[in-house]
N, C-alpha and C. Protein backbone atom coordinates (compact mmCIF):
# COMPACT_ATOMS: atom_id res chain seq x y z
N UNK A 1 -32.15 -0.04 16.11
CA UNK A 1 -31.59 0.02 15.22
C UNK A 1 -32.01 -0.10 13.63
N UNK A 2 -31.58 0.41 12.98
CA UNK A 2 -32.11 0.98 11.26
C UNK A 2 -31.91 -0.06 10.53
N UNK A 3 -32.31 -1.17 10.62
CA UNK A 3 -31.53 -2.24 9.42
C UNK A 3 -31.13 -1.85 7.97
N UNK A 4 -32.56 -1.30 7.46
CA UNK A 4 -32.10 -1.10 5.95
C UNK A 4 -30.99 0.09 5.59
N UNK A 5 -30.57 1.30 7.28
CA UNK A 5 -29.26 1.92 6.20
C UNK A 5 -28.18 1.29 6.93
N UNK A 6 -28.35 0.03 7.99
CA UNK A 6 -26.87 -0.48 7.86
C UNK A 6 -26.57 -0.70 6.80
N UNK A 7 -27.32 -2.03 6.36
CA UNK A 7 -27.13 -2.63 5.06
C UNK A 7 -26.26 -1.68 4.11
N UNK A 8 -26.98 -0.56 4.19
CA UNK A 8 -26.23 0.16 2.70
C UNK A 8 -24.95 1.34 3.41
N UNK A 9 -24.44 0.08 4.20
CA UNK A 9 -23.08 0.71 4.81
C UNK A 9 -22.29 0.88 4.04
N UNK A 10 -21.75 1.60 3.84
CA UNK A 10 -19.66 1.47 2.91
C UNK A 10 -19.00 0.12 3.74
N UNK A 11 -18.86 -1.08 2.97
CA UNK A 11 -17.89 -2.43 4.05
C UNK A 11 -16.54 -0.99 3.53
N UNK A 12 -15.88 -1.09 2.77
CA UNK A 12 -14.54 -0.10 2.60
C UNK A 12 -14.49 0.41 3.96
N UNK A 13 -15.52 1.51 3.68
CA UNK A 13 -15.00 3.05 4.80
C UNK A 13 -14.89 1.64 6.36
N UNK A 14 -15.87 1.11 6.17
CA UNK A 14 -16.11 0.29 7.47
C UNK A 14 -14.50 0.03 8.35
N UNK A 15 -14.68 -1.27 6.85
CA UNK A 15 -12.51 -1.09 7.16
C UNK A 15 -12.52 -0.66 7.09
N UNK A 16 -11.40 0.17 6.46
CA UNK A 16 -10.65 1.41 6.84
C UNK A 16 -10.64 2.08 8.34
N UNK A 17 -11.81 2.46 8.37
CA UNK A 17 -12.36 3.28 9.43
C UNK A 17 -11.61 2.12 11.00
N UNK A 18 -12.06 0.65 10.53
CA UNK A 18 -12.17 0.25 12.07
C UNK A 18 -10.20 0.19 11.88
N UNK A 19 -9.94 -0.06 10.86
CA UNK A 19 -8.32 0.09 10.55
C UNK A 19 -7.95 1.08 11.62
N UNK A 20 -7.70 2.56 10.84
CA UNK A 20 -7.21 2.68 11.74
C UNK A 20 -6.91 3.02 13.40
N UNK A 21 -8.87 2.73 13.58
CA UNK A 21 -9.07 2.52 15.26
C UNK A 21 -7.58 1.92 15.20
N UNK A 22 -8.12 0.23 15.35
CA UNK A 22 -7.33 -0.80 15.78
C UNK A 22 -5.50 -0.63 16.11
N UNK A 23 -5.22 1.05 15.03
CA UNK A 23 -4.51 1.00 15.40
C UNK A 23 -4.05 2.94 16.54
N UNK A 24 -4.79 2.41 17.04
CA UNK A 24 -5.41 3.02 17.97
C UNK A 24 -5.17 2.65 19.76
N UNK A 25 -6.11 1.63 18.77
CA UNK A 25 -6.08 0.09 19.98
C UNK A 25 -6.12 -0.70 20.17
N UNK A 26 -4.87 -1.48 19.10
CA UNK A 26 -4.54 -3.26 18.93
C UNK A 26 -5.00 -4.18 19.63
N UNK A 27 -5.23 -4.63 20.46
CA UNK A 27 -5.33 -5.56 21.62
C UNK A 27 -7.59 -5.38 22.10
N UNK A 28 -7.56 -3.95 21.19
CA UNK A 28 -9.27 -4.45 20.72
C UNK A 28 -9.81 -5.48 19.77
N UNK A 29 -11.48 -6.02 20.22
CA UNK A 29 -12.04 -7.36 18.67
C UNK A 29 -11.79 -5.79 17.66
N UNK A 30 -11.88 -6.72 16.95
CA UNK A 30 -12.13 -6.35 15.82
C UNK A 30 -13.90 -6.12 15.14
N UNK A 31 -14.46 -6.41 16.48
CA UNK A 31 -15.72 -6.54 15.57
C UNK A 31 -16.46 -5.61 16.21
N UNK A 32 -15.58 -5.55 17.59
CA UNK A 32 -15.92 -3.94 18.44
C UNK A 32 -15.69 -2.60 17.40
N UNK A 33 -14.95 -3.24 17.33
CA UNK A 33 -14.10 -1.56 16.31
C UNK A 33 -14.50 -1.97 14.56
N UNK A 34 -15.50 -2.68 14.55
CA UNK A 34 -16.00 -2.69 13.81
C UNK A 34 -17.43 -2.15 13.78
N UNK A 35 -18.04 -1.60 15.06
CA UNK A 35 -19.20 -1.96 14.69
C UNK A 35 -18.66 -0.31 15.91
N UNK A 36 -18.36 0.33 16.37
CA UNK A 36 -17.75 1.30 16.04
C UNK A 36 -17.20 2.31 15.49
N UNK A 37 -17.40 1.80 14.23
CA UNK A 37 -16.58 2.46 13.32
C UNK A 37 -18.21 2.58 12.53
N UNK A 38 -19.43 1.19 12.57
CA UNK A 38 -20.29 1.81 11.46
C UNK A 38 -22.05 3.18 12.17
N UNK A 39 -20.63 2.57 13.99
CA UNK A 39 -21.79 3.78 14.62
C UNK A 39 -20.55 5.38 14.00
N UNK A 40 -19.20 5.78 13.25
CA UNK A 40 -18.73 6.78 12.86
C UNK A 40 -19.46 7.00 11.46
N UNK A 41 -19.87 6.52 10.74
CA UNK A 41 -20.66 6.66 9.50
C UNK A 41 -21.68 6.96 9.97
N UNK A 42 -22.95 6.49 10.14
CA UNK A 42 -23.98 7.09 10.75
C UNK A 42 -23.50 9.02 10.99
N UNK A 43 -22.84 9.55 11.08
CA UNK A 43 -22.55 10.01 10.74
C UNK A 43 -21.83 11.21 9.80
N UNK A 44 -23.12 12.27 10.02
CA UNK A 44 -23.34 13.45 8.08
C UNK A 44 -21.06 13.21 8.42
N UNK A 45 -20.93 14.32 9.15
CA UNK A 45 -19.84 14.67 8.94
C UNK A 45 -18.95 13.76 9.27
N UNK A 46 -18.90 13.11 10.08
CA UNK A 46 -17.58 12.06 9.69
C UNK A 46 -17.73 11.12 8.81
N UNK A 47 -19.35 10.86 7.65
CA UNK A 47 -19.05 10.45 6.49
C UNK A 47 -18.81 10.62 5.97
N UNK A 48 -18.29 11.82 4.83
CA UNK A 48 -18.26 12.69 4.68
C UNK A 48 -16.77 12.70 4.00
N UNK A 49 -16.20 12.16 4.64
CA UNK A 49 -14.44 11.58 5.17
C UNK A 49 -14.47 10.15 4.36
N UNK A 50 -13.03 10.24 4.28
CA UNK A 50 -12.27 8.48 4.12
C UNK A 50 -12.45 7.90 5.22
N UNK A 51 -13.04 7.37 5.48
CA UNK A 51 -12.11 5.97 6.18
C UNK A 51 -11.65 5.83 7.67
N UNK A 52 -10.58 6.60 6.84
CA UNK A 52 -9.64 6.50 7.65
C UNK A 52 -9.37 8.51 8.54
N UNK A 53 -9.72 8.87 7.15
CA UNK A 53 -9.87 10.26 7.69
C UNK A 53 -10.47 11.37 9.18
N UNK A 54 -12.04 9.78 9.05
CA UNK A 54 -12.13 9.75 9.81
C UNK A 54 -12.34 9.65 11.39
N UNK A 55 -12.27 8.05 10.89
CA UNK A 55 -11.11 7.95 12.28
C UNK A 55 -10.59 8.21 13.06
N UNK A 56 -9.34 9.42 11.93
CA UNK A 56 -8.30 9.85 13.13
C UNK A 56 -9.56 11.22 13.48
N UNK A 57 -10.37 11.97 12.53
CA UNK A 57 -11.17 13.52 13.25
C UNK A 57 -11.61 12.73 14.45
N UNK A 58 -12.07 11.86 14.58
CA UNK A 58 -13.13 10.66 15.43
C UNK A 58 -11.74 10.80 17.35
N UNK A 59 -10.82 9.79 16.66
CA UNK A 59 -9.83 10.15 17.42
C UNK A 59 -9.34 11.68 17.62
N UNK A 60 -9.32 12.36 17.37
CA UNK A 60 -8.24 13.49 17.82
C UNK A 60 -7.78 14.33 18.86
N UNK A 61 -8.97 14.36 19.54
CA UNK A 61 -9.36 14.57 21.28
C UNK A 61 -8.86 13.80 22.32
N UNK A 62 -8.89 12.89 21.62
CA UNK A 62 -8.04 12.00 22.76
C UNK A 62 -6.63 12.48 22.70
N UNK A 63 -5.90 11.98 21.76
CA UNK A 63 -4.73 12.68 20.79
C UNK A 63 -4.38 13.57 21.09
N UNK A 64 -4.93 13.87 21.24
CA UNK A 64 -4.53 15.56 22.17
C UNK A 64 -4.31 15.80 24.03
N UNK A 65 -5.13 14.96 24.05
CA UNK A 65 -5.23 14.72 25.52
C UNK A 65 -4.32 14.09 25.92
N UNK A 66 -4.18 13.33 25.61
CA UNK A 66 -3.08 12.05 25.22
C UNK A 66 -1.81 13.31 25.96
N UNK A 67 -0.97 14.18 24.46
CA UNK A 67 -0.49 15.00 24.82
C UNK A 67 -0.16 15.35 25.76
N UNK A 68 -0.66 16.84 25.76
CA UNK A 68 -1.33 17.62 27.09
C UNK A 68 -0.83 16.97 28.49
N UNK A 69 -1.65 15.17 28.68
CA UNK A 69 -1.32 15.09 30.55
C UNK A 69 -0.22 14.37 30.24
N UNK A 70 1.04 14.29 29.64
CA UNK A 70 2.53 13.51 29.44
C UNK A 70 3.23 14.99 29.67
N UNK A 71 2.39 15.79 28.32
CA UNK A 71 3.84 17.22 29.07
C UNK A 71 3.73 17.79 27.50
N UNK A 72 4.46 18.88 26.78
CA UNK A 72 4.37 19.81 26.16
C UNK A 72 5.36 19.48 25.87
N UNK A 73 6.19 18.98 26.57
CA UNK A 73 7.88 18.80 26.15
C UNK A 73 8.46 17.23 25.72
N UNK A 74 7.67 16.54 25.50
CA UNK A 74 7.96 15.40 25.13
C UNK A 74 7.08 14.95 23.90
N UNK A 75 7.20 16.47 22.92
CA UNK A 75 6.21 15.88 22.40
C UNK A 75 7.65 16.06 20.87
N UNK A 76 7.43 14.87 19.79
CA UNK A 76 7.72 14.39 18.97
C UNK A 76 7.92 14.82 17.69
N UNK A 77 7.92 16.01 16.91
CA UNK A 77 7.57 16.48 15.44
C UNK A 77 8.64 15.56 14.11
N UNK A 78 7.46 14.67 13.10
CA UNK A 78 8.26 14.41 12.60
C UNK A 78 8.09 15.28 11.46
């Protein structure tokens, strides 16, 4: 693990990202979600986004798979 890169992580970005991940997985330990957010922060493409947007982009394939498994007839559009 690169400690210098970890020390430069944007704490607010990590917190926002972890908060969005917690919306998806509310029972997962916050420390694990923050560690996952740190891993996402290391991705240049995701780091260019806001923390919440990065988490949403990373979660998008999971959300699509869930919708596809349930079926298109169950989709709701708000």
